[in-house]
Amino acid sequence: MGAFNTIKSKTKCPNCNNPVEWQSKRLVYDGFLVENAMQTITLNRKMDGEMHTYCENCKKSFDVTIAKGKEKRIK
């Protein structure tokens, strides 16, 4: 998907339930923007921001809000 941080997540495509790869989008760790590209990130309670994906199966994009390391809302 590009040169972004990959997020370890078991969340599947909310539309078709296909496994997808999530990437960081404005991810903040303990108040600092996570900028190192091409790293795999495990969410923890000090992280806030968003992650996003594109599902090849149903051809749709999705964003998830992250608050205190928990995936909160899919848009």
PDB file of N, CA and C in Angstrom:
ATOM      1  N   MET A   1       0.806  -1.201   0.000  1.00  0.00           N
ATOM      2  CA  MET A   1       0.000   0.000   0.000  1.00  0.00           C
ATOM      3  C   MET A   1       0.849   1.265   0.000  1.00  0.00           C
ATOM      4  N   GLY A   2       2.111   1.217   0.301  1.00  0.00           N
ATOM      5  CA  GLY A   2       2.948   2.396   0.321  1.00  0.00           C
ATOM      6  C   GLY A   2       3.964   2.321   1.450  1.00  0.00           C
ATOM      7  N   ALA A   3       4.726   3.396   1.646  1.00  0.00           N
ATOM      8  CA  ALA A   3       5.780   3.429   2.654  1.00  0.00           C
ATOM      9  C   ALA A   3       5.261   4.011   3.958  1.00  0.00           C
ATOM     10  N   PHE A   4       4.388   3.285   4.615  1.00  0.00           N
ATOM     11  CA  PHE A   4       3.812   3.704   5.886  1.00  0.00           C
ATOM     12  C   PHE A   4       4.043   2.604   6.914  1.00  0.00           C
ATOM     13  N   ASN A   5       3.758   2.898   8.163  1.00  0.00           N
ATOM     14  CA  ASN A   5       3.855   1.888   9.205  1.00  0.00           C
ATOM     15  C   ASN A   5       2.706   0.909   9.084  1.00  0.00           C
ATOM     16  N   THR A   6       3.001  -0.374   9.126  1.00  0.00           N
ATOM     17  CA  THR A   6       1.968  -1.402   9.147  1.00  0.00           C
ATOM     18  C   THR A   6       1.533  -1.602  10.589  1.00  0.00           C
ATOM     19  N   ILE A   7       0.221  -1.689  10.814  1.00  0.00           N
ATOM     20  CA  ILE A   7      -0.336  -1.873  12.149  1.00  0.00           C
ATOM     21  C   ILE A   7      -0.757  -3.329  12.312  1.00  0.00           C
ATOM     22  N   LYS A   8      -0.271  -3.974  13.367  1.00  0.00           N
ATOM     23  CA  LYS A   8      -0.717  -5.339  13.659  1.00  0.00           C
ATOM     24  C   LYS A   8      -2.155  -5.268  14.155  1.00  0.00           C
ATOM     25  N   SER A   9      -3.079  -5.834  13.388  1.00  0.00           N
ATOM     26  CA  SER A   9      -4.483  -5.796  13.753  1.00  0.00           C
ATOM     27  C   SER A   9      -5.184  -7.020  13.186  1.00  0.00           C
ATOM     28  N   LYS A  10      -6.087  -7.578  13.963  1.00  0.00           N
ATOM     29  CA  LYS A  10      -6.884  -8.710  13.496  1.00  0.00           C
ATOM     30  C   LYS A  10      -8.182  -8.238  12.863  1.00  0.00           C
ATOM     31  N   THR A  11      -8.400  -6.918  12.819  1.00  0.00           N
ATOM     32  CA  THR A  11      -9.613  -6.366  12.232  1.00  0.00           C
ATOM     33  C   THR A  11      -9.637  -6.644  10.737  1.00  0.00           C
ATOM     34  N   LYS A  12     -10.711  -7.252  10.281  1.00  0.00           N
ATOM     35  CA  LYS A  12     -10.868  -7.585   8.862  1.00  0.00           C
ATOM     36  C   LYS A  12     -11.673  -6.491   8.174  1.00  0.00           C
ATOM     37  N   CYS A  13     -11.821  -6.599   6.869  1.00  0.00           N
ATOM     38  CA  CYS A  13     -12.612  -5.639   6.109  1.00  0.00           C
ATOM     39  C   CYS A  13     -14.022  -5.589   6.706  1.00  0.00           C
ATOM     40  N   PRO A  14     -14.483  -4.396   7.085  1.00  0.00           N
ATOM     41  CA  PRO A  14     -15.820  -4.296   7.675  1.00  0.00           C
ATOM     42  C   PRO A  14     -16.946  -4.531   6.675  1.00  0.00           C
ATOM     43  N   ASN A  15     -16.622  -4.537   5.408  1.00  0.00           N
ATOM     44  CA  ASN A  15     -17.641  -4.731   4.380  1.00  0.00           C
ATOM     45  C   ASN A  15     -17.790  -6.200   3.982  1.00  0.00           C
ATOM     46  N   CYS A  16     -16.658  -6.909   3.777  1.00  0.00           N
ATOM     47  CA  CYS A  16     -16.728  -8.290   3.271  1.00  0.00           C
ATOM     48  C   CYS A  16     -16.027  -9.306   4.174  1.00  0.00           C
ATOM     49  N   ASN A  17     -15.415  -8.841   5.285  1.00  0.00           N
ATOM     50  CA  ASN A  17     -14.729  -9.701   6.248  1.00  0.00           C
ATOM     51  C   ASN A  17     -13.457 -10.351   5.695  1.00  0.00           C
ATOM     52  N   ASN A  18     -12.917  -9.806   4.621  1.00  0.00           N
ATOM     53  CA  ASN A  18     -11.682 -10.296   4.024  1.00  0.00           C
ATOM     54  C   ASN A  18     -10.490  -9.797   4.860  1.00  0.00           C
ATOM     55  N   PRO A  19      -9.445 -10.610   5.072  1.00  0.00           N
ATOM     56  CA  PRO A  19      -8.251 -10.117   5.776  1.00  0.00           C
ATOM     57  C   PRO A  19      -7.626  -8.959   4.993  1.00  0.00           C
ATOM     58  N   VAL A  20      -7.248  -7.897   5.689  1.00  0.00           N
ATOM     59  CA  VAL A  20      -6.633  -6.728   5.065  1.00  0.00           C
ATOM     60  C   VAL A  20      -5.428  -6.279   5.874  1.00  0.00           C
ATOM     61  N   GLU A  21      -4.545  -5.489   5.255  1.00  0.00           N
ATOM     62  CA  GLU A  21      -3.392  -4.913   5.943  1.00  0.00           C
ATOM     63  C   GLU A  21      -3.728  -3.475   6.307  1.00  0.00           C
ATOM     64  N   TRP A  22      -3.596  -3.140   7.575  1.00  0.00           N
ATOM     65  CA  TRP A  22      -3.858  -1.792   8.054  1.00  0.00           C
ATOM     66  C   TRP A  22      -2.565  -1.012   8.142  1.00  0.00           C
ATOM     67  N   GLN A  23      -2.612   0.285   7.816  1.00  0.00           N
ATOM     68  CA  GLN A  23      -1.440   1.147   7.907  1.00  0.00           C
ATOM     69  C   GLN A  23      -1.765   2.380   8.733  1.00  0.00           C
ATOM     70  N   SER A  24      -0.700   2.980   9.288  1.00  0.00           N
ATOM     71  CA  SER A  24      -0.877   4.149  10.138  1.00  0.00           C
ATOM     72  C   SER A  24      -1.339   5.351   9.327  1.00  0.00           C
ATOM     73  N   LYS A  25      -2.068   6.206  10.012  1.00  0.00           N
ATOM     74  CA  LYS A  25      -2.542   7.454   9.435  1.00  0.00           C
ATOM     75  C   LYS A  25      -2.634   8.424  10.603  1.00  0.00           C
ATOM     76  N   ARG A  26      -1.673   9.345  10.694  1.00  0.00           N
ATOM     77  CA  ARG A  26      -1.628  10.289  11.818  1.00  0.00           C
ATOM     78  C   ARG A  26      -1.591   9.560  13.160  1.00  0.00           C
ATOM     79  N   LEU A  27      -0.671   8.617  13.307  1.00  0.00           N
ATOM     80  CA  LEU A  27      -0.549   7.839  14.542  1.00  0.00           C
ATOM     81  C   LEU A  27       0.367   8.567  15.525  1.00  0.00           C
ATOM     82  N   VAL A  28      -0.115   8.744  16.754  1.00  0.00           N
ATOM     83  CA  VAL A  28       0.632   9.455  17.786  1.00  0.00           C
ATOM     84  C   VAL A  28       0.913   8.497  18.935  1.00  0.00           C
ATOM     85  N   TYR A  29       2.176   8.492  19.404  1.00  0.00           N
ATOM     86  CA  TYR A  29       2.572   7.661  20.544  1.00  0.00           C
ATOM     87  C   TYR A  29       2.995   8.582  21.675  1.00  0.00           C
ATOM     88  N   ASP A  30       2.251   8.559  22.755  1.00  0.00           N
ATOM     89  CA  ASP A  30       2.564   9.345  23.949  1.00  0.00           C
ATOM     90  C   ASP A  30       2.821  10.812  23.594  1.00  0.00           C
ATOM     91  N   GLY A  31       2.015  11.345  22.672  1.00  0.00           N
ATOM     92  CA  GLY A  31       2.119  12.744  22.277  1.00  0.00           C
ATOM     93  C   GLY A  31       3.041  13.027  21.107  1.00  0.00           C
ATOM     94  N   PHE A  32       3.756  12.020  20.597  1.00  0.00           N
ATOM     95  CA  PHE A  32       4.691  12.220  19.489  1.00  0.00           C
ATOM     96  C   PHE A  32       4.204  11.496  18.241  1.00  0.00           C
ATOM     97  N   LEU A  33       4.283  12.168  17.097  1.00  0.00           N
ATOM     98  CA  LEU A  33       3.883  11.581  15.824  1.00  0.00           C
ATOM     99  C   LEU A  33       4.820  10.432  15.460  1.00  0.00           C
ATOM    100  N   VAL A  34       4.259   9.279  15.101  1.00  0.00           N
ATOM    101  CA  VAL A  34       5.049   8.118  14.679  1.00  0.00           C
ATOM    102  C   VAL A  34       5.360   8.302  13.196  1.00  0.00           C
ATOM    103  N   GLU A  35       6.637   8.544  12.870  1.00  0.00           N
ATOM    104  CA  GLU A  35       7.013   8.884  11.501  1.00  0.00           C
ATOM    105  C   GLU A  35       7.909   7.862  10.817  1.00  0.00           C
ATOM    106  N   ASN A  36       8.453   6.905  11.524  1.00  0.00           N
ATOM    107  CA  ASN A  36       9.383   5.955  10.903  1.00  0.00           C
ATOM    108  C   ASN A  36       8.633   5.033   9.962  1.00  0.00           C
ATOM    109  N   ALA A  37       8.899   5.164   8.664  1.00  0.00           N
ATOM    110  CA  ALA A  37       8.205   4.363   7.667  1.00  0.00           C
ATOM    111  C   ALA A  37       8.732   2.937   7.640  1.00  0.00           C
ATOM    112  N   MET A  38       7.894   2.026   7.190  1.00  0.00           N
ATOM    113  CA  MET A  38       8.243   0.637   6.964  1.00  0.00           C
ATOM    114  C   MET A  38       8.508  -0.134   8.248  1.00  0.00           C
ATOM    115  N   GLN A  39       7.896   0.264   9.352  1.00  0.00           N
ATOM    116  CA  GLN A  39       7.964  -0.490  10.593  1.00  0.00           C
ATOM    117  C   GLN A  39       6.601  -1.109  10.865  1.00  0.00           C
ATOM    118  N   THR A  40       6.592  -2.233  11.543  1.00  0.00           N
ATOM    119  CA  THR A  40       5.328  -2.834  11.977  1.00  0.00           C
ATOM    120  C   THR A  40       5.090  -2.404  13.414  1.00  0.00           C
ATOM    121  N   ILE A  41       3.914  -1.849  13.658  1.00  0.00           N
ATOM    122  CA  ILE A  41       3.566  -1.280  14.950  1.00  0.00           C
ATOM    123  C   ILE A  41       2.531  -2.150  15.655  1.00  0.00           C
ATOM    124  N   THR A  42       2.755  -2.424  16.932  1.00  0.00           N
ATOM    125  CA  THR A  42       1.756  -3.069  17.774  1.00  0.00           C
ATOM    126  C   THR A  42       1.111  -1.970  18.605  1.00  0.00           C
ATOM    127  N   LEU A  43      -0.202  -1.853  18.531  1.00  0.00           N
ATOM    128  CA  LEU A  43      -0.894  -0.811  19.273  1.00  0.00           C
ATOM    129  C   LEU A  43      -0.757  -1.011  20.771  1.00  0.00           C
ATOM    130  N   ASN A  44      -0.607   0.100  21.501  1.00  0.00           N
ATOM    131  CA  ASN A  44      -0.621   0.048  22.963  1.00  0.00           C
ATOM    132  C   ASN A  44      -1.362   1.263  23.490  1.00  0.00           C
ATOM    133  N   ARG A  45      -1.612   1.311  24.778  1.00  0.00           N
ATOM    134  CA  ARG A  45      -2.503   2.316  25.355  1.00  0.00           C
ATOM    135  C   ARG A  45      -1.995   3.750  25.240  1.00  0.00           C
ATOM    136  N   LYS A  46      -0.762   3.960  24.835  1.00  0.00           N
ATOM    137  CA  LYS A  46      -0.232   5.312  24.657  1.00  0.00           C
ATOM    138  C   LYS A  46      -0.425   5.829  23.233  1.00  0.00           C
ATOM    139  N   MET A  47      -1.137   5.065  22.390  1.00  0.00           N
ATOM    140  CA  MET A  47      -1.296   5.442  20.984  1.00  0.00           C
ATOM    141  C   MET A  47      -2.696   5.948  20.676  1.00  0.00           C
ATOM    142  N   ASP A  48      -2.730   7.024  19.886  1.00  0.00           N
ATOM    143  CA  ASP A  48      -3.961   7.597  19.373  1.00  0.00           C
ATOM    144  C   ASP A  48      -3.738   7.948  17.909  1.00  0.00           C
ATOM    145  N   GLY A  49      -4.810   8.045  17.139  1.00  0.00           N
ATOM    146  CA  GLY A  49      -4.708   8.438  15.739  1.00  0.00           C
ATOM    147  C   GLY A  49      -5.673   7.662  14.884  1.00  0.00           C
ATOM    148  N   GLU A  50      -5.221   7.312  13.699  1.00  0.00           N
ATOM    149  CA  GLU A  50      -6.049   6.557  12.767  1.00  0.00           C
ATOM    150  C   GLU A  50      -5.199   5.534  12.027  1.00  0.00           C
ATOM    151  N   MET A  51      -5.859   4.515  11.539  1.00  0.00           N
ATOM    152  CA  MET A  51      -5.226   3.577  10.615  1.00  0.00           C
ATOM    153  C   MET A  51      -6.201   3.395   9.459  1.00  0.00           C
ATOM    154  N   HIS A  52      -5.665   3.005   8.310  1.00  0.00           N
ATOM    155  CA  HIS A  52      -6.518   2.870   7.144  1.00  0.00           C
ATOM    156  C   HIS A  52      -6.114   1.655   6.325  1.00  0.00           C
ATOM    157  N   THR A  53      -7.034   1.230   5.444  1.00  0.00           N
ATOM    158  CA  THR A  53      -6.786   0.093   4.581  1.00  0.00           C
ATOM    159  C   THR A  53      -7.585   0.230   3.296  1.00  0.00           C
ATOM    160  N   TYR A  54      -7.204  -0.557   2.313  1.00  0.00           N
ATOM    161  CA  TYR A  54      -7.958  -0.700   1.071  1.00  0.00           C
ATOM    162  C   TYR A  54      -8.167  -2.191   0.864  1.00  0.00           C
ATOM    163  N   CYS A  55      -9.413  -2.596   0.694  1.00  0.00           N
ATOM    164  CA  CYS A  55      -9.733  -4.010   0.494  1.00  0.00           C
ATOM    165  C   CYS A  55      -9.743  -4.328  -0.993  1.00  0.00           C
ATOM    166  N   GLU A  56      -8.842  -5.208  -1.410  1.00  0.00           N
ATOM    167  CA  GLU A  56      -8.775  -5.628  -2.817  1.00  0.00           C
ATOM    168  C   GLU A  56     -10.012  -6.416  -3.221  1.00  0.00           C
ATOM    169  N   ASN A  57     -10.628  -7.097  -2.269  1.00  0.00           N
ATOM    170  CA  ASN A  57     -11.779  -7.946  -2.568  1.00  0.00           C
ATOM    171  C   ASN A  57     -13.027  -7.122  -2.921  1.00  0.00           C
ATOM    172  N   CYS A  58     -13.358  -6.129  -2.113  1.00  0.00           N
ATOM    173  CA  CYS A  58     -14.582  -5.352  -2.368  1.00  0.00           C
ATOM    174  C   CYS A  58     -14.292  -3.963  -2.934  1.00  0.00           C
ATOM    175  N   LYS A  59     -12.993  -3.625  -3.102  1.00  0.00           N
ATOM    176  CA  LYS A  59     -12.569  -2.358  -3.721  1.00  0.00           C
ATOM    177  C   LYS A  59     -13.036  -1.126  -2.947  1.00  0.00           C
ATOM    178  N   LYS A  60     -12.919  -1.174  -1.621  1.00  0.00           N
ATOM    179  CA  LYS A  60     -13.311  -0.048  -0.775  1.00  0.00           C
ATOM    180  C   LYS A  60     -12.201   0.286   0.208  1.00  0.00           C
ATOM    181  N   SER A  61     -12.148   1.556   0.602  1.00  0.00           N
ATOM    182  CA  SER A  61     -11.198   2.030   1.610  1.00  0.00           C
ATOM    183  C   SER A  61     -11.918   2.239   2.932  1.00  0.00           C
ATOM    184  N   PHE A  62     -11.174   2.044   4.027  1.00  0.00           N
ATOM    185  CA  PHE A  62     -11.732   2.214   5.363  1.00  0.00           C
ATOM    186  C   PHE A  62     -10.704   2.873   6.278  1.00  0.00           C
ATOM    187  N   ASP A  63     -11.179   3.693   7.223  1.00  0.00           N
ATOM    188  CA  ASP A  63     -10.357   4.304   8.269  1.00  0.00           C
ATOM    189  C   ASP A  63     -10.893   3.867   9.618  1.00  0.00           C
ATOM    190  N   VAL A  64      -9.991   3.677  10.564  1.00  0.00           N
ATOM    191  CA  VAL A  64     -10.367   3.322  11.933  1.00  0.00           C
ATOM    192  C   VAL A  64      -9.717   4.334  12.866  1.00  0.00           C
ATOM    193  N   THR A  65     -10.484   4.866  13.797  1.00  0.00           N
ATOM    194  CA  THR A  65      -9.961   5.755  14.823  1.00  0.00           C
ATOM    195  C   THR A  65      -9.361   4.910  15.944  1.00  0.00           C
ATOM    196  N   ILE A  66      -8.174   5.312  16.404  1.00  0.00           N
ATOM    197  CA  ILE A  66      -7.498   4.621  17.503  1.00  0.00           C
ATOM    198  C   ILE A  66      -7.465   5.581  18.694  1.00  0.00           C
ATOM    199  N   ALA A  67      -7.966   5.127  19.827  1.00  0.00           N
ATOM    200  CA  ALA A  67      -7.941   5.926  21.049  1.00  0.00           C
ATOM    201  C   ALA A  67      -7.391   5.066  22.179  1.00  0.00           C
ATOM    202  N   LYS A  68      -6.279   5.516  22.743  1.00  0.00           N
ATOM    203  CA  LYS A  68      -5.597   4.787  23.819  1.00  0.00           C
ATOM    204  C   LYS A  68      -5.318   3.336  23.431  1.00  0.00           C
ATOM    205  N   GLY A  69      -4.889   3.137  22.171  1.00  0.00           N
ATOM    206  CA  GLY A  69      -4.496   1.822  21.691  1.00  0.00           C
ATOM    207  C   GLY A  69      -5.630   0.912  21.283  1.00  0.00           C
ATOM    208  N   LYS A  70      -6.868   1.382  21.368  1.00  0.00           N
ATOM    209  CA  LYS A  70      -8.033   0.564  21.011  1.00  0.00           C
ATOM    210  C   LYS A  70      -8.654   1.099  19.723  1.00  0.00           C
ATOM    211  N   GLU A  71      -9.059   0.170  18.861  1.00  0.00           N
ATOM    212  CA  GLU A  71      -9.738   0.551  17.626  1.00  0.00           C
ATOM    213  C   GLU A  71     -11.174   0.920  17.977  1.00  0.00           C
ATOM    214  N   LYS A  72     -11.570   2.142  17.645  1.00  0.00           N
ATOM    215  CA  LYS A  72     -12.842   2.680  18.110  1.00  0.00           C
ATOM    216  C   LYS A  72     -13.950   2.720  17.058  1.00  0.00           C
ATOM    217  N   ARG A  73     -13.669   3.263  15.900  1.00  0.00           N
ATOM    218  CA  ARG A  73     -14.740   3.507  14.949  1.00  0.00           C
ATOM    219  C   ARG A  73     -14.243   3.300  13.525  1.00  0.00           C
ATOM    220  N   ILE A  74     -15.009   2.599  12.736  1.00  0.00           N
ATOM    221  CA  ILE A  74     -14.672   2.378  11.325  1.00  0.00           C
ATOM    222  C   ILE A  74     -15.506   3.343  10.498  1.00  0.00           C
ATOM    223  N   LYS A  75     -14.828   4.054   9.583  1.00  0.00           N
ATOM    224  CA  LYS A  75     -15.533   4.966   8.686  1.00  0.00           C
ATOM    225  C   LYS A  75     -15.461   4.443   7.271  1.00  0.00           C
TER     226      LYS A  75
END
